[in-house]
């Protein structure tokens, strides 16, 4: 069985955000607005997503 995946899209810029929020977005592999990446559904990635949830859109996939 394959590990679950999450599609994460950066909807808003990290400009002006706290450093830990910007680093969480970078840790997910996102660099530009409207960029989408696929990450494994792990507790670590869920924590990064939770930190920047107001900037991101997340979908199963």
Protein backbone atom coordinates (compact mmCIF):
# COMPACT_ATOMS: atom_id res chain seq x y z
CA UNK A 1 0.00 0.00 0.00
CA UNK A 2 1.39 3.39 -1.00
CA UNK A 3 1.73 6.17 1.55
CA UNK A 4 -0.95 8.85 1.47
CA UNK A 5 -0.08 12.05 -0.35
CA UNK A 6 -1.22 15.63 0.12
CA UNK A 7 -1.30 18.30 -2.58
CA UNK A 8 -0.28 21.62 -1.05
CA UNK A 9 -0.67 24.94 -2.89
CA UNK A 10 0.72 28.27 -1.74
CA UNK A 11 -2.19 30.69 -2.10
CA UNK A 12 -0.72 33.80 -0.47
CA UNK A 13 2.78 35.26 -0.28
CA UNK A 14 5.00 34.67 2.74
CA UNK A 15 6.19 38.28 2.55
CA UNK A 16 5.69 39.95 5.91
CA UNK A 17 5.05 36.69 7.77
CA UNK A 18 6.99 35.55 10.81
CA UNK A 19 10.24 33.74 10.04
CA UNK A 20 9.01 30.37 11.35
CA UNK A 21 5.98 30.52 9.02
CA UNK A 22 8.15 31.34 5.98
CA UNK A 23 10.53 28.50 6.91
CA UNK A 24 7.63 26.05 7.21
CA UNK A 25 6.47 26.96 3.70
CA UNK A 26 10.03 26.50 2.37
CA UNK A 27 10.26 23.19 4.24
CA UNK A 28 7.28 21.95 2.25
CA UNK A 29 9.15 22.81 -0.96
CA UNK A 30 7.07 25.84 -1.91
CA UNK A 31 8.82 28.88 -3.35
CA UNK A 32 6.27 30.87 -5.39
CA UNK A 33 2.59 31.73 -5.11
CA UNK A 34 0.22 29.29 -6.81
CA UNK A 35 2.91 26.60 -6.85
CA UNK A 36 1.67 23.11 -5.95
CA UNK A 37 3.74 20.30 -4.48
CA UNK A 38 2.88 16.76 -3.44
CA UNK A 39 4.14 15.72 -0.01
CA UNK A 40 3.75 12.59 2.10
CA UNK A 41 1.00 12.64 4.72
CA UNK A 42 3.25 12.46 7.79
CA UNK A 43 2.92 14.10 11.22
CA UNK A 44 5.95 16.26 10.41
CA UNK A 45 4.42 17.61 7.19
CA UNK A 46 1.06 18.08 8.93
CA UNK A 47 2.83 20.27 11.49
CA UNK A 48 4.42 22.40 8.75
CA UNK A 49 1.02 22.76 7.08
CA UNK A 50 -0.66 23.68 10.38
CA UNK A 51 1.89 26.45 10.98
CA UNK A 52 1.11 28.14 7.65
CA UNK A 53 -2.50 27.01 7.19
CA UNK A 54 -3.70 30.58 6.48
CA UNK A 55 -1.45 30.70 3.38
CA UNK A 56 -2.06 27.23 2.00
CA UNK A 57 -4.68 25.12 0.27
CA UNK A 58 -4.47 21.38 0.96
CA UNK A 59 -6.13 18.53 -0.93
CA UNK A 60 -5.90 14.76 -0.70
CA UNK A 61 -4.12 13.28 -3.60
